[in-house]
PDB file of N, CA and C in Angstrom:
ATOM      1  N   UNK A   1       0.640  -1.212   0.038  1.00  0.00           N
ATOM      2  CA  UNK A   1      -0.382   0.131  -0.354  1.00  0.00           C
ATOM      3  C   UNK A   1       0.800   1.093   0.374  1.00  0.00           C
ATOM      4  N   UNK A   2       2.288   0.855   0.875  1.00  0.00           N
ATOM      5  CA  UNK A   2       2.828   2.583   1.087  1.00  0.00           C
ATOM      6  C   UNK A   2       4.343   2.679  -0.153  1.00  0.00           C
ATOM      7  N   UNK A   3       4.382   1.270  -1.129  1.00  0.00           N
ATOM      8  CA  UNK A   3       4.787   1.332  -2.200  1.00  0.00           C
ATOM      9  C   UNK A   3       4.293   1.876  -3.234  1.00  0.00           C
ATOM     10  N   UNK A   4       5.873   2.689  -4.114  1.00  0.00           N
ATOM     11  CA  UNK A   4       4.592   3.168  -5.484  1.00  0.00           C
ATOM     12  C   UNK A   4       4.075   2.418  -6.401  1.00  0.00           C
ATOM     13  N   UNK A   5       4.589   1.266  -5.823  1.00  0.00           N
ATOM     14  CA  UNK A   5       3.909   0.233  -7.183  1.00  0.00           C
ATOM     15  C   UNK A   5       3.055  -0.512  -6.552  1.00  0.00           C
ATOM     16  N   UNK A   6       1.511   0.009  -5.159  1.00  0.00           N
ATOM     17  CA  UNK A   6       0.010  -0.693  -5.351  1.00  0.00           C
ATOM     18  C   UNK A   6      -0.746  -1.152  -6.048  1.00  0.00           C
ATOM     19  N   UNK A   7      -1.057  -3.020  -6.305  1.00  0.00           N
ATOM     20  CA  UNK A   7      -1.763  -2.905  -7.288  1.00  0.00           C
ATOM     21  C   UNK A   7      -3.127  -2.017  -6.889  1.00  0.00           C
ATOM     22  N   UNK A   8      -3.885  -2.325  -8.330  1.00  0.00           N
ATOM     23  CA  UNK A   8      -5.386  -2.208  -7.984  1.00  0.00           C
ATOM     24  C   UNK A   8      -5.898  -3.098  -7.120  1.00  0.00           C
ATOM     25  N   UNK A   9      -5.338  -4.742  -7.453  1.00  0.00           N
ATOM     26  CA  UNK A   9      -6.567  -5.701  -6.312  1.00  0.00           C
ATOM     27  C   UNK A   9      -6.358  -4.930  -4.409  1.00  0.00           C
ATOM     28  N   UNK A  10      -4.593  -5.267  -3.918  1.00  0.00           N
ATOM     29  CA  UNK A  10      -4.772  -4.451  -2.868  1.00  0.00           C
ATOM     30  C   UNK A  10      -5.162  -2.570  -2.171  1.00  0.00           C
ATOM     31  N   UNK A  11      -4.909  -2.248  -3.143  1.00  0.00           N
ATOM     32  CA  UNK A  11      -5.976  -1.256  -3.492  1.00  0.00           C
ATOM     33  C   UNK A  11      -7.402  -0.835  -2.947  1.00  0.00           C
ATOM     34  N   UNK A  12      -8.064  -1.848  -3.008  1.00  0.00           N
ATOM     35  CA  UNK A  12      -9.826  -1.878  -3.339  1.00  0.00           C
ATOM     36  C   UNK A  12      -9.562  -2.947  -2.448  1.00  0.00           C
ATOM     37  N   UNK A  13      -9.121  -4.216  -1.986  1.00  0.00           N
ATOM     38  CA  UNK A  13      -8.945  -4.578  -0.823  1.00  0.00           C
ATOM     39  C   UNK A  13      -8.803  -3.199   0.388  1.00  0.00           C
ATOM     40  N   UNK A  14      -7.743  -3.249   1.005  1.00  0.00           N
ATOM     41  CA  UNK A  14      -7.988  -1.821   1.664  1.00  0.00           C
ATOM     42  C   UNK A  14      -8.176  -1.432   1.878  1.00  0.00           C
ATOM     43  N   UNK A  15      -8.915  -0.784   1.227  1.00  0.00           N
ATOM     44  CA  UNK A  15     -10.268   0.245   1.202  1.00  0.00           C
ATOM     45  C   UNK A  15     -11.257  -0.721   2.126  1.00  0.00           C
ATOM     46  N   UNK A  16     -12.106  -1.347   1.935  1.00  0.00           N
ATOM     47  CA  UNK A  16     -13.010  -2.400   1.803  1.00  0.00           C
ATOM     48  C   UNK A  16     -12.444  -2.593   3.370  1.00  0.00           C
ATOM     49  N   UNK A  17     -11.523  -2.918   3.745  1.00  0.00           N
ATOM     50  CA  UNK A  17     -10.807  -3.826   4.801  1.00  0.00           C
ATOM     51  C   UNK A  17     -11.215  -1.862   5.837  1.00  0.00           C
ATOM     52  N   UNK A  18     -10.466  -1.674   5.489  1.00  0.00           N
ATOM     53  CA  UNK A  18     -11.114   0.018   6.584  1.00  0.00           C
ATOM     54  C   UNK A  18     -12.283   1.063   6.019  1.00  0.00           C
ATOM     55  N   UNK A  19     -12.567   0.408   5.737  1.00  0.00           N
ATOM     56  CA  UNK A  19     -14.157   1.208   5.967  1.00  0.00           C
ATOM     57  C   UNK A  19     -14.699   0.653   7.068  1.00  0.00           C
ATOM     58  N   UNK A  20     -14.345  -0.427   7.496  1.00  0.00           N
ATOM     59  CA  UNK A  20     -15.696  -1.635   8.173  1.00  0.00           C
ATOM     60  C   UNK A  20     -14.432  -1.107   9.611  1.00  0.00           C
ATOM     61  N   UNK A  21     -13.789   0.000  10.062  1.00  0.00           N
ATOM     62  CA  UNK A  21     -12.748   0.320  10.941  1.00  0.00           C
ATOM     63  C   UNK A  21     -14.069   0.740  12.185  1.00  0.00           C
ATOM     64  N   UNK A  22     -13.907   0.476  12.725  1.00  0.00           N
ATOM     65  CA  UNK A  22     -15.629   1.589  13.598  1.00  0.00           C
ATOM     66  C   UNK A  22     -14.105   2.188  15.196  1.00  0.00           C
ATOM     67  N   UNK A  23     -13.471   1.569  15.139  1.00  0.00           N
ATOM     68  CA  UNK A  23     -12.659   2.164  16.241  1.00  0.00           C
ATOM     69  C   UNK A  23     -12.126   4.123  15.882  1.00  0.00           C
ATOM     70  N   UNK A  24     -12.060   5.207  16.827  1.00  0.00           N
ATOM     71  CA  UNK A  24     -11.850   6.291  15.859  1.00  0.00           C
ATOM     72  C   UNK A  24      -9.603   6.158  14.699  1.00  0.00           C
ATOM     73  N   UNK A  25      -9.232   5.372  16.404  1.00  0.00           N
ATOM     74  CA  UNK A  25      -7.720   5.118  16.883  1.00  0.00           C
ATOM     75  C   UNK A  25      -7.668   4.845  15.172  1.00  0.00           C
ATOM     76  N   UNK A  26      -8.759   3.879  14.611  1.00  0.00           N
ATOM     77  CA  UNK A  26      -8.209   2.871  13.689  1.00  0.00           C
ATOM     78  C   UNK A  26      -8.332   3.496  12.734  1.00  0.00           C
ATOM     79  N   UNK A  27      -9.649   4.018  12.492  1.00  0.00           N
ATOM     80  CA  UNK A  27     -10.123   4.944  11.131  1.00  0.00           C
ATOM     81  C   UNK A  27      -9.249   5.716  10.973  1.00  0.00           C
ATOM     82  N   UNK A  28      -7.934   6.764  11.778  1.00  0.00           N
ATOM     83  CA  UNK A  28      -7.386   7.701  11.927  1.00  0.00           C
ATOM     84  C   UNK A  28      -5.924   6.637  11.381  1.00  0.00           C
ATOM     85  N   UNK A  29      -5.318   5.870  11.283  1.00  0.00           N
ATOM     86  CA  UNK A  29      -4.919   4.824  10.312  1.00  0.00           C
ATOM     87  C   UNK A  29      -4.761   5.054   9.715  1.00  0.00           C
ATOM     88  N   UNK A  30      -5.853   4.399   9.184  1.00  0.00           N
ATOM     89  CA  UNK A  30      -5.532   3.673   8.245  1.00  0.00           C
ATOM     90  C   UNK A  30      -5.982   5.004   7.036  1.00  0.00           C
ATOM     91  N   UNK A  31      -6.936   6.112   7.579  1.00  0.00           N
ATOM     92  CA  UNK A  31      -6.591   6.803   6.670  1.00  0.00           C
ATOM     93  C   UNK A  31      -5.713   8.178   6.430  1.00  0.00           C
ATOM     94  N   UNK A  32      -5.173   7.827   7.673  1.00  0.00           N
ATOM     95  CA  UNK A  32      -3.268   8.483   7.275  1.00  0.00           C
ATOM     96  C   UNK A  32      -2.710   7.286   6.112  1.00  0.00           C
ATOM     97  N   UNK A  33      -2.607   5.682   6.087  1.00  0.00           N
ATOM     98  CA  UNK A  33      -2.261   5.169   5.661  1.00  0.00           C
ATOM     99  C   UNK A  33      -2.436   5.044   3.611  1.00  0.00           C
ATOM    100  N   UNK A  34      -3.906   5.393   3.791  1.00  0.00           N
ATOM    101  CA  UNK A  34      -4.385   5.773   2.793  1.00  0.00           C
ATOM    102  C   UNK A  34      -4.406   7.005   1.974  1.00  0.00           C
ATOM    103  N   UNK A  35      -3.660   8.426   3.096  1.00  0.00           N
ATOM    104  CA  UNK A  35      -3.791   9.600   2.254  1.00  0.00           C
ATOM    105  C   UNK A  35      -1.974   9.306   1.281  1.00  0.00           C
ATOM    106  N   UNK A  36      -1.222   9.391   1.709  1.00  0.00           N
ATOM    107  CA  UNK A  36      -0.244   8.047   2.024  1.00  0.00           C
ATOM    108  C   UNK A  36       0.314   7.865   0.761  1.00  0.00           C
ATOM    109  N   UNK A  37      -0.486   6.924   0.035  1.00  0.00           N
ATOM    110  CA  UNK A  37      -0.995   5.756  -0.628  1.00  0.00           C
ATOM    111  C   UNK A  37      -1.254   6.033  -1.712  1.00  0.00           C
ATOM    112  N   UNK A  38      -2.284   7.153  -1.890  1.00  0.00           N
ATOM    113  CA  UNK A  38      -2.960   7.843  -2.367  1.00  0.00           C
ATOM    114  C   UNK A  38      -2.382   8.827  -3.357  1.00  0.00           C
ATOM    115  N   UNK A  39      -1.283   9.619  -2.805  1.00  0.00           N
ATOM    116  CA  UNK A  39      -0.439  10.261  -3.565  1.00  0.00           C
ATOM    117  C   UNK A  39       1.014   9.272  -3.919  1.00  0.00           C
ATOM    118  N   UNK A  40       1.047   8.160  -3.109  1.00  0.00           N
ATOM    119  CA  UNK A  40       2.065   7.887  -5.085  1.00  0.00           C
ATOM    120  C   UNK A  40       1.343   6.704  -5.542  1.00  0.00           C
ATOM    121  N   UNK A  41       0.296   6.549  -5.922  1.00  0.00           N
ATOM    122  CA  UNK A  41      -0.318   5.635  -6.167  1.00  0.00           C
ATOM    123  C   UNK A  41      -1.253   6.397  -7.395  1.00  0.00           C
ATOM    124  N   UNK A  42      -1.834   7.492  -7.511  1.00  0.00           N
ATOM    125  CA  UNK A  42      -2.772   8.181  -7.861  1.00  0.00           C
ATOM    126  C   UNK A  42      -3.569   7.645  -9.376  1.00  0.00           C
ATOM    127  N   UNK A  43      -2.300   6.847 -10.168  1.00  0.00           N
ATOM    128  CA  UNK A  43      -3.001   6.855 -11.345  1.00  0.00           C
ATOM    129  C   UNK A  43      -4.075   5.234 -10.722  1.00  0.00           C
ATOM    130  N   UNK A  44      -3.672   4.358 -10.174  1.00  0.00           N
ATOM    131  CA  UNK A  44      -4.497   3.642  -9.695  1.00  0.00           C
ATOM    132  C   UNK A  44      -5.922   3.777  -8.821  1.00  0.00           C
ATOM    133  N   UNK A  45      -5.112   4.444  -8.140  1.00  0.00           N
ATOM    134  CA  UNK A  45      -7.010   5.023  -7.349  1.00  0.00           C
ATOM    135  C   UNK A  45      -7.399   5.210  -8.447  1.00  0.00           C
ATOM    136  N   UNK A  46      -6.987   6.361  -9.332  1.00  0.00           N
ATOM    137  CA  UNK A  46      -8.435   6.884  -9.916  1.00  0.00           C
ATOM    138  C   UNK A  46      -8.340   5.618 -10.474  1.00  0.00           C
ATOM    139  N   UNK A  47      -7.964   4.554 -10.634  1.00  0.00           N
ATOM    140  CA  UNK A  47      -8.648   3.798 -12.082  1.00  0.00           C
ATOM    141  C   UNK A  47     -10.040   2.404 -11.115  1.00  0.00           C
ATOM    142  N   UNK A  48      -9.250   2.377 -10.026  1.00  0.00           N
ATOM    143  CA  UNK A  48      -9.944   1.601  -8.186  1.00  0.00           C
ATOM    144  C   UNK A  48     -11.580   2.319  -8.215  1.00  0.00           C
ATOM    145  N   UNK A  49     -11.171   4.059  -8.036  1.00  0.00           N
ATOM    146  CA  UNK A  49     -12.506   4.156  -8.216  1.00  0.00           C
ATOM    147  C   UNK A  49     -13.824   4.614  -8.622  1.00  0.00           C
ATOM    148  N   UNK A  50     -13.687   3.927  -9.767  1.00  0.00           N
ATOM    149  CA  UNK A  50     -14.406   4.104 -11.015  1.00  0.00           C
ATOM    150  C   UNK A  50     -15.452   4.052 -10.431  1.00  0.00           C
ATOM    151  N   UNK A  51     -14.955   2.277  -9.722  1.00  0.00           N
ATOM    152  CA  UNK A  51     -15.982   1.446  -9.244  1.00  0.00           C
ATOM    153  C   UNK A  51     -17.018   1.592  -8.345  1.00  0.00           C
ATOM    154  N   UNK A  52     -18.264   1.259  -7.966  1.00  0.00           N
ATOM    155  CA  UNK A  52     -19.073   1.656  -7.602  1.00  0.00           C
ATOM    156  C   UNK A  52     -19.006   1.230  -5.895  1.00  0.00           C
ATOM    157  N   UNK A  53     -18.525  -0.179  -5.409  1.00  0.00           N
ATOM    158  CA  UNK A  53     -18.196  -0.214  -4.666  1.00  0.00           C
ATOM    159  C   UNK A  53     -16.870   0.565  -3.738  1.00  0.00           C
ATOM    160  N   UNK A  54     -16.261   0.346  -4.773  1.00  0.00           N
ATOM    161  CA  UNK A  54     -14.648   1.749  -3.990  1.00  0.00           C
ATOM    162  C   UNK A  54     -15.488   3.153  -3.466  1.00  0.00           C
ATOM    163  N   UNK A  55     -16.199   3.543  -4.081  1.00  0.00           N
ATOM    164  CA  UNK A  55     -16.378   4.772  -4.114  1.00  0.00           C
ATOM    165  C   UNK A  55     -17.253   4.978  -2.814  1.00  0.00           C
ATOM    166  N   UNK A  56     -17.950   3.467  -2.133  1.00  0.00           N
ATOM    167  CA  UNK A  56     -18.176   4.308  -1.795  1.00  0.00           C
ATOM    168  C   UNK A  56     -18.306   3.292  -0.322  1.00  0.00           C
ATOM    169  N   UNK A  57     -16.592   2.569  -0.219  1.00  0.00           N
ATOM    170  CA  UNK A  57     -16.034   2.234   0.391  1.00  0.00           C
ATOM    171  C   UNK A  57     -14.982   3.956   0.644  1.00  0.00           C
ATOM    172  N   UNK A  58     -14.089   4.111   0.215  1.00  0.00           N
ATOM    173  CA  UNK A  58     -13.670   5.180   0.299  1.00  0.00           C
ATOM    174  C   UNK A  58     -14.606   6.552   0.718  1.00  0.00           C
ATOM    175  N   UNK A  59     -15.537   6.863   1.090  1.00  0.00           N
ATOM    176  CA  UNK A  59     -17.046   7.613   1.182  1.00  0.00           C
ATOM    177  C   UNK A  59     -17.053   7.303   2.753  1.00  0.00           C
ATOM    178  N   UNK A  60     -16.641   6.632   2.370  1.00  0.00           N
ATOM    179  CA  UNK A  60     -17.544   6.033   4.310  1.00  0.00           C
ATOM    180  C   UNK A  60     -16.020   6.338   5.415  1.00  0.00           C
ATOM    181  N   UNK A  61     -14.764   5.742   4.436  1.00  0.00           N
ATOM    182  CA  UNK A  61     -13.325   5.765   4.908  1.00  0.00           C
ATOM    183  C   UNK A  61     -13.122   7.610   5.438  1.00  0.00           C
ATOM    184  N   UNK A  62     -13.819   8.254   4.112  1.00  0.00           N
ATOM    185  CA  UNK A  62     -13.184   9.638   4.424  1.00  0.00           C
ATOM    186  C   UNK A  62     -14.780  10.840   4.762  1.00  0.00           C
ATOM    187  N   UNK A  63     -15.161   9.564   5.115  1.00  0.00           N
ATOM    188  CA  UNK A  63     -17.305  10.792   5.805  1.00  0.00           C
ATOM    189  C   UNK A  63     -16.838  11.415   6.512  1.00  0.00           C
ATOM    190  N   UNK A  64     -15.884  11.482   7.193  1.00  0.00           N
ATOM    191  CA  UNK A  64     -15.523  12.310   8.485  1.00  0.00           C
ATOM    192  C   UNK A  64     -15.007  13.528   8.125  1.00  0.00           C
ATOM    193  N   UNK A  65     -14.300  13.659   7.416  1.00  0.00           N
ATOM    194  CA  UNK A  65     -13.785  14.343   6.165  1.00  0.00           C
ATOM    195  C   UNK A  65     -14.153  15.151   5.046  1.00  0.00           C
ATOM    196  N   UNK A  66     -14.805  14.864   5.156  1.00  0.00           N
ATOM    197  CA  UNK A  66     -15.691  15.127   3.723  1.00  0.00           C
ATOM    198  C   UNK A  66     -16.799  15.582   4.621  1.00  0.00           C
ATOM    199  N   UNK A  67     -17.229  14.636   6.001  1.00  0.00           N
ATOM    200  CA  UNK A  67     -18.825  16.115   6.332  1.00  0.00           C
ATOM    201  C   UNK A  67     -17.913  17.470   6.823  1.00  0.00           C
ATOM    202  N   UNK A  68     -16.596  17.452   7.613  1.00  0.00           N
ATOM    203  CA  UNK A  68     -15.653  19.141   8.134  1.00  0.00           C
ATOM    204  C   UNK A  68     -15.843  20.208   6.625  1.00  0.00           C
ATOM    205  N   UNK A  69     -15.654  19.219   5.273  1.00  0.00           N
ATOM    206  CA  UNK A  69     -15.632  20.035   4.314  1.00  0.00           C
ATOM    207  C   UNK A  69     -16.675  20.851   3.871  1.00  0.00           C
ATOM    208  N   UNK A  70     -17.493  19.496   3.802  1.00  0.00           N
ATOM    209  CA  UNK A  70     -18.462  20.600   3.252  1.00  0.00           C
ATOM    210  C   UNK A  70     -19.496  21.340   4.643  1.00  0.00           C
ATOM    211  N   UNK A  71     -19.393  21.191   5.497  1.00  0.00           N
ATOM    212  CA  UNK A  71     -19.498  22.112   7.279  1.00  0.00           C
ATOM    213  C   UNK A  71     -18.728  23.456   6.209  1.00  0.00           C
ATOM    214  N   UNK A  72     -17.304  23.380   6.701  1.00  0.00           N
ATOM    215  CA  UNK A  72     -16.252  24.601   6.614  1.00  0.00           C
ATOM    216  C   UNK A  72     -17.343  25.457   5.100  1.00  0.00           C
ATOM    217  N   UNK A  73     -17.033  24.923   4.246  1.00  0.00           N
ATOM    218  CA  UNK A  73     -17.678  25.122   2.360  1.00  0.00           C
ATOM    219  C   UNK A  73     -19.175  26.129   2.646  1.00  0.00           C
ATOM    220  N   UNK A  74     -20.205  25.306   3.878  1.00  0.00           N
ATOM    221  CA  UNK A  74     -21.063  26.075   3.887  1.00  0.00           C
ATOM    222  C   UNK A  74     -21.324  27.271   4.368  1.00  0.00           C
ATOM    223  N   UNK A  75     -20.525  26.965   5.874  1.00  0.00           N
ATOM    224  CA  UNK A  75     -20.291  27.958   6.488  1.00  0.00           C
ATOM    225  C   UNK A  75     -19.681  28.916   5.520  1.00  0.00           C
ATOM    226  N   UNK A  76     -18.185  29.369   4.377  1.00  0.00           N
ATOM    227  CA  UNK A  76     -17.888  30.784   4.068  1.00  0.00           C
ATOM    228  C   UNK A  76     -19.246  30.336   3.022  1.00  0.00           C
ATOM    229  N   UNK A  77     -19.725  30.527   2.364  1.00  0.00           N
ATOM    230  CA  UNK A  77     -20.552  30.311   1.401  1.00  0.00           C
ATOM    231  C   UNK A  77     -22.131  31.650   2.108  1.00  0.00           C
ATOM    232  N   UNK A  78     -22.594  31.033   2.965  1.00  0.00           N
ATOM    233  CA  UNK A  78     -23.212  31.665   4.304  1.00  0.00           C
ATOM    234  C   UNK A  78     -22.312  33.360   4.482  1.00  0.00           C
ATOM    235  N   UNK A  79     -21.583  33.181   4.715  1.00  0.00           N
ATOM    236  CA  UNK A  79     -20.377  34.281   4.769  1.00  0.00           C
ATOM    237  C   UNK A  79     -20.727  35.353   3.804  1.00  0.00           C
ATOM    238  N   UNK A  80     -19.682  34.507   2.603  1.00  0.00           N
ATOM    239  CA  UNK A  80     -20.024  34.801   1.485  1.00  0.00           C
ATOM    240  C   UNK A  80     -21.429  35.873   0.576  1.00  0.00           C
ATOM    241  N   UNK A  81     -22.512  35.390   1.558  1.00  0.00           N
ATOM    242  CA  UNK A  81     -23.967  35.521   1.152  1.00  0.00           C
ATOM    243  C   UNK A  81     -24.260  37.698   1.353  1.00  0.00           C
ATOM    244  N   UNK A  82     -23.276  37.232   3.019  1.00  0.00           N
ATOM    245  CA  UNK A  82     -24.002  37.881   3.504  1.00  0.00           C
ATOM    246  C   UNK A  82     -23.007  39.500   2.960  1.00  0.00           C
ATOM    247  N   UNK A  83     -21.939  39.440   2.789  1.00  0.00           N
ATOM    248  CA  UNK A  83     -20.889  39.985   2.705  1.00  0.00           C
ATOM    249  C   UNK A  83     -21.680  40.485   0.870  1.00  0.00           C
ATOM    250  N   UNK A  84     -22.076  39.795  -0.066  1.00  0.00           N
ATOM    251  CA  UNK A  84     -22.853  40.569  -0.997  1.00  0.00           C
ATOM    252  C   UNK A  84     -23.747  40.782  -0.615  1.00  0.00           C
ATOM    253  N   UNK A  85     -24.487  40.757  -0.016  1.00  0.00           N
ATOM    254  CA  UNK A  85     -25.565  41.821   0.827  1.00  0.00           C
ATOM    255  C   UNK A  85     -25.852  43.067   1.516  1.00  0.00           C
ATOM    256  N   UNK A  86     -24.707  42.864   1.856  1.00  0.00           N
ATOM    257  CA  UNK A  86     -23.844  44.307   2.626  1.00  0.00           C
ATOM    258  C   UNK A  86     -23.723  44.805   1.396  1.00  0.00           C
ATOM    259  N   UNK A  87     -22.696  44.304   0.165  1.00  0.00           N
ATOM    260  CA  UNK A  87     -22.385  45.013  -1.131  1.00  0.00           C
ATOM    261  C   UNK A  87     -23.127  45.848  -1.751  1.00  0.00           C
ATOM    262  N   UNK A  88     -24.503  45.194  -1.797  1.00  0.00           N
ATOM    263  CA  UNK A  88     -25.349  45.654  -2.586  1.00  0.00           C
ATOM    264  C   UNK A  88     -26.849  46.493  -1.974  1.00  0.00           C
ATOM    265  N   UNK A  89     -26.412  46.868  -0.633  1.00  0.00           N
ATOM    266  CA  UNK A  89     -27.009  47.743  -0.249  1.00  0.00           C
ATOM    267  C   UNK A  89     -25.583  49.205   0.074  1.00  0.00           C
ATOM    268  N   UNK A  90     -24.154  48.916  -0.238  1.00  0.00           N
ATOM    269  CA  UNK A  90     -24.441  50.214  -0.474  1.00  0.00           C
ATOM    270  C   UNK A  90     -24.145  50.618  -1.919  1.00  0.00           C
ATOM    271  N   UNK A  91     -24.168  49.530  -2.747  1.00  0.00           N
ATOM    272  CA  UNK A  91     -23.909  50.121  -4.475  1.00  0.00           C
ATOM    273  C   UNK A  91     -25.548  50.622  -4.188  1.00  0.00           C
ATOM    274  N   UNK A  92     -26.699  50.727  -3.542  1.00  0.00           N
ATOM    275  CA  UNK A  92     -27.645  51.437  -3.435  1.00  0.00           C
ATOM    276  C   UNK A  92     -27.813  52.636  -2.981  1.00  0.00           C
ATOM    277  N   UNK A  93     -26.765  53.007  -2.141  1.00  0.00           N
ATOM    278  CA  UNK A  93     -26.857  53.842  -1.162  1.00  0.00           C
ATOM    279  C   UNK A  93     -27.451  53.941   0.338  1.00  0.00           C
ATOM    280  N   UNK A  94     -28.111  52.660   0.749  1.00  0.00           N
ATOM    281  CA  UNK A  94     -28.746  52.319   1.932  1.00  0.00           C
ATOM    282  C   UNK A  94     -28.187  52.129   3.225  1.00  0.00           C
ATOM    283  N   UNK A  95     -26.832  51.405   2.924  1.00  0.00           N
ATOM    284  CA  UNK A  95     -26.002  52.163   4.029  1.00  0.00           C
ATOM    285  C   UNK A  95     -24.465  52.306   3.627  1.00  0.00           C
ATOM    286  N   UNK A  96     -23.498  52.870   4.716  1.00  0.00           N
ATOM    287  CA  UNK A  96     -22.130  53.537   4.624  1.00  0.00           C
ATOM    288  C   UNK A  96     -20.873  52.079   4.685  1.00  0.00           C
ATOM    289  N   UNK A  97     -20.118  52.834   3.440  1.00  0.00           N
ATOM    290  CA  UNK A  97     -19.293  51.391   3.904  1.00  0.00           C
ATOM    291  C   UNK A  97     -18.769  51.208   5.256  1.00  0.00           C
ATOM    292  N   UNK A  98     -18.765  51.609   6.314  1.00  0.00           N
ATOM    293  CA  UNK A  98     -17.831  51.726   7.431  1.00  0.00           C
ATOM    294  C   UNK A  98     -18.655  50.422   8.394  1.00  0.00           C
ATOM    295  N   UNK A  99     -20.496  51.001   7.864  1.00  0.00           N
ATOM    296  CA  UNK A  99     -21.216  50.034   8.703  1.00  0.00           C
ATOM    297  C   UNK A  99     -21.655  48.893   8.041  1.00  0.00           C
ATOM    298  N   UNK A 100     -21.353  48.526   6.410  1.00  0.00           N
ATOM    299  CA  UNK A 100     -21.364  47.628   5.937  1.00  0.00           C
ATOM    300  C   UNK A 100     -19.811  46.123   6.139  1.00  0.00           C
ATOM    301  N   UNK A 101     -19.104  47.339   6.860  1.00  0.00           N
ATOM    302  CA  UNK A 101     -17.790  46.900   6.740  1.00  0.00           C
ATOM    303  C   UNK A 101     -17.121  46.275   8.845  1.00  0.00           C
ATOM    304  N   UNK A 102     -18.481  47.133   9.488  1.00  0.00           N
ATOM    305  CA  UNK A 102     -18.531  46.550  10.554  1.00  0.00           C
ATOM    306  C   UNK A 102     -19.638  45.402  10.627  1.00  0.00           C
ATOM    307  N   UNK A 103     -20.518  45.326   9.639  1.00  0.00           N
ATOM    308  CA  UNK A 103     -20.837  44.193   9.701  1.00  0.00           C
ATOM    309  C   UNK A 103     -20.973  42.983  10.044  1.00  0.00           C
ATOM    310  N   UNK A 104     -19.576  43.351   8.464  1.00  0.00           N
ATOM    311  CA  UNK A 104     -18.613  42.158   8.498  1.00  0.00           C
ATOM    312  C   UNK A 104     -17.231  41.619   9.477  1.00  0.00           C
ATOM    313  N   UNK A 105     -16.870  41.831  10.208  1.00  0.00           N
ATOM    314  CA  UNK A 105     -16.389  42.313  11.464  1.00  0.00           C
ATOM    315  C   UNK A 105     -15.429  42.439  10.381  1.00  0.00           C
ATOM    316  N   UNK A 106     -15.314  43.154   9.536  1.00  0.00           N
ATOM    317  CA  UNK A 106     -13.731  43.557   8.666  1.00  0.00           C
ATOM    318  C   UNK A 106     -13.129  44.600   9.025  1.00  0.00           C
ATOM    319  N   UNK A 107     -11.735  45.168   8.770  1.00  0.00           N
ATOM    320  CA  UNK A 107     -11.504  46.601   8.305  1.00  0.00           C
ATOM    321  C   UNK A 107     -12.627  46.994   7.138  1.00  0.00           C
ATOM    322  N   UNK A 108     -11.837  48.224   7.159  1.00  0.00           N
ATOM    323  CA  UNK A 108     -12.692  49.429   5.525  1.00  0.00           C
ATOM    324  C   UNK A 108     -12.066  48.646   4.644  1.00  0.00           C
ATOM    325  N   UNK A 109      -9.869  48.572   5.123  1.00  0.00           N
ATOM    326  CA  UNK A 109      -9.733  48.049   4.063  1.00  0.00           C
ATOM    327  C   UNK A 109      -9.937  46.430   3.144  1.00  0.00           C
ATOM    328  N   UNK A 110     -10.093  45.290   4.088  1.00  0.00           N
ATOM    329  CA  UNK A 110     -10.346  44.214   3.983  1.00  0.00           C
ATOM    330  C   UNK A 110     -12.157  43.679   2.997  1.00  0.00           C
ATOM    331  N   UNK A 111     -12.957  45.245   3.717  1.00  0.00           N
ATOM    332  CA  UNK A 111     -14.056  45.742   2.688  1.00  0.00           C
ATOM    333  C   UNK A 111     -13.979  45.584   1.645  1.00  0.00           C
ATOM    334  N   UNK A 112     -13.294  47.264   1.229  1.00  0.00           N
ATOM    335  CA  UNK A 112     -13.303  47.114  -0.274  1.00  0.00           C
ATOM    336  C   UNK A 112     -11.987  45.468  -1.245  1.00  0.00           C
ATOM    337  N   UNK A 113     -11.539  45.563  -0.371  1.00  0.00           N
ATOM    338  CA  UNK A 113     -11.280  44.189  -1.328  1.00  0.00           C
ATOM    339  C   UNK A 113     -11.885  43.713  -1.595  1.00  0.00           C
ATOM    340  N   UNK A 114     -12.578  42.762  -1.226  1.00  0.00           N
ATOM    341  CA  UNK A 114     -14.213  42.034  -0.714  1.00  0.00           C
ATOM    342  C   UNK A 114     -14.888  42.757  -1.646  1.00  0.00           C
ATOM    343  N   UNK A 115     -15.744  43.909  -1.483  1.00  0.00           N
ATOM    344  CA  UNK A 115     -16.402  44.626  -3.306  1.00  0.00           C
ATOM    345  C   UNK A 115     -15.676  44.341  -4.497  1.00  0.00           C
ATOM    346  N   UNK A 116     -14.247  44.972  -4.436  1.00  0.00           N
ATOM    347  CA  UNK A 116     -13.443  44.678  -5.634  1.00  0.00           C
ATOM    348  C   UNK A 116     -13.719  43.233  -6.377  1.00  0.00           C
ATOM    349  N   UNK A 117     -13.583  41.937  -5.396  1.00  0.00           N
ATOM    350  CA  UNK A 117     -14.005  41.054  -5.570  1.00  0.00           C
ATOM    351  C   UNK A 117     -14.396  40.433  -6.446  1.00  0.00           C
ATOM    352  N   UNK A 118     -15.676  41.140  -5.971  1.00  0.00           N
ATOM    353  CA  UNK A 118     -17.192  41.048  -6.073  1.00  0.00           C
ATOM    354  C   UNK A 118     -17.311  41.375  -7.604  1.00  0.00           C
ATOM    355  N   UNK A 119     -16.307  43.307  -7.530  1.00  0.00           N
ATOM    356  CA  UNK A 119     -16.954  43.308  -9.487  1.00  0.00           C
ATOM    357  C   UNK A 119     -16.483  43.221 -10.668  1.00  0.00           C
ATOM    358  N   UNK A 120     -15.105  42.179 -10.198  1.00  0.00           N
ATOM    359  CA  UNK A 120     -14.865  41.635 -11.378  1.00  0.00           C
ATOM    360  C   UNK A 120     -15.773  40.463 -11.255  1.00  0.00           C
TER     361      UNK A 120
END
């Protein structure tokens, strides 16, 4: 698994076994091995992940990381939506930029950068 020549059968067996781990320590160790193995064997993992069983095993093994990333992205999206609403209020002359920056918990310069990004 940790060599640069892991075979697809070995990869599939390992991910299926690792996805059955229930103890947090076991899952973390398997995840660490998986990350190193994926880095060393990207092409073989790409072949293996195309099978539906394999995708499910990988999803189960990486479930916590996937959920954390989705939560982080969701929170970032909500924050960006709030900033966009504040920018719209500024553009409509309904809110001073200083107040908008305070509401966004940003400095005035940070908020101006956010406004420039939205315009582009």
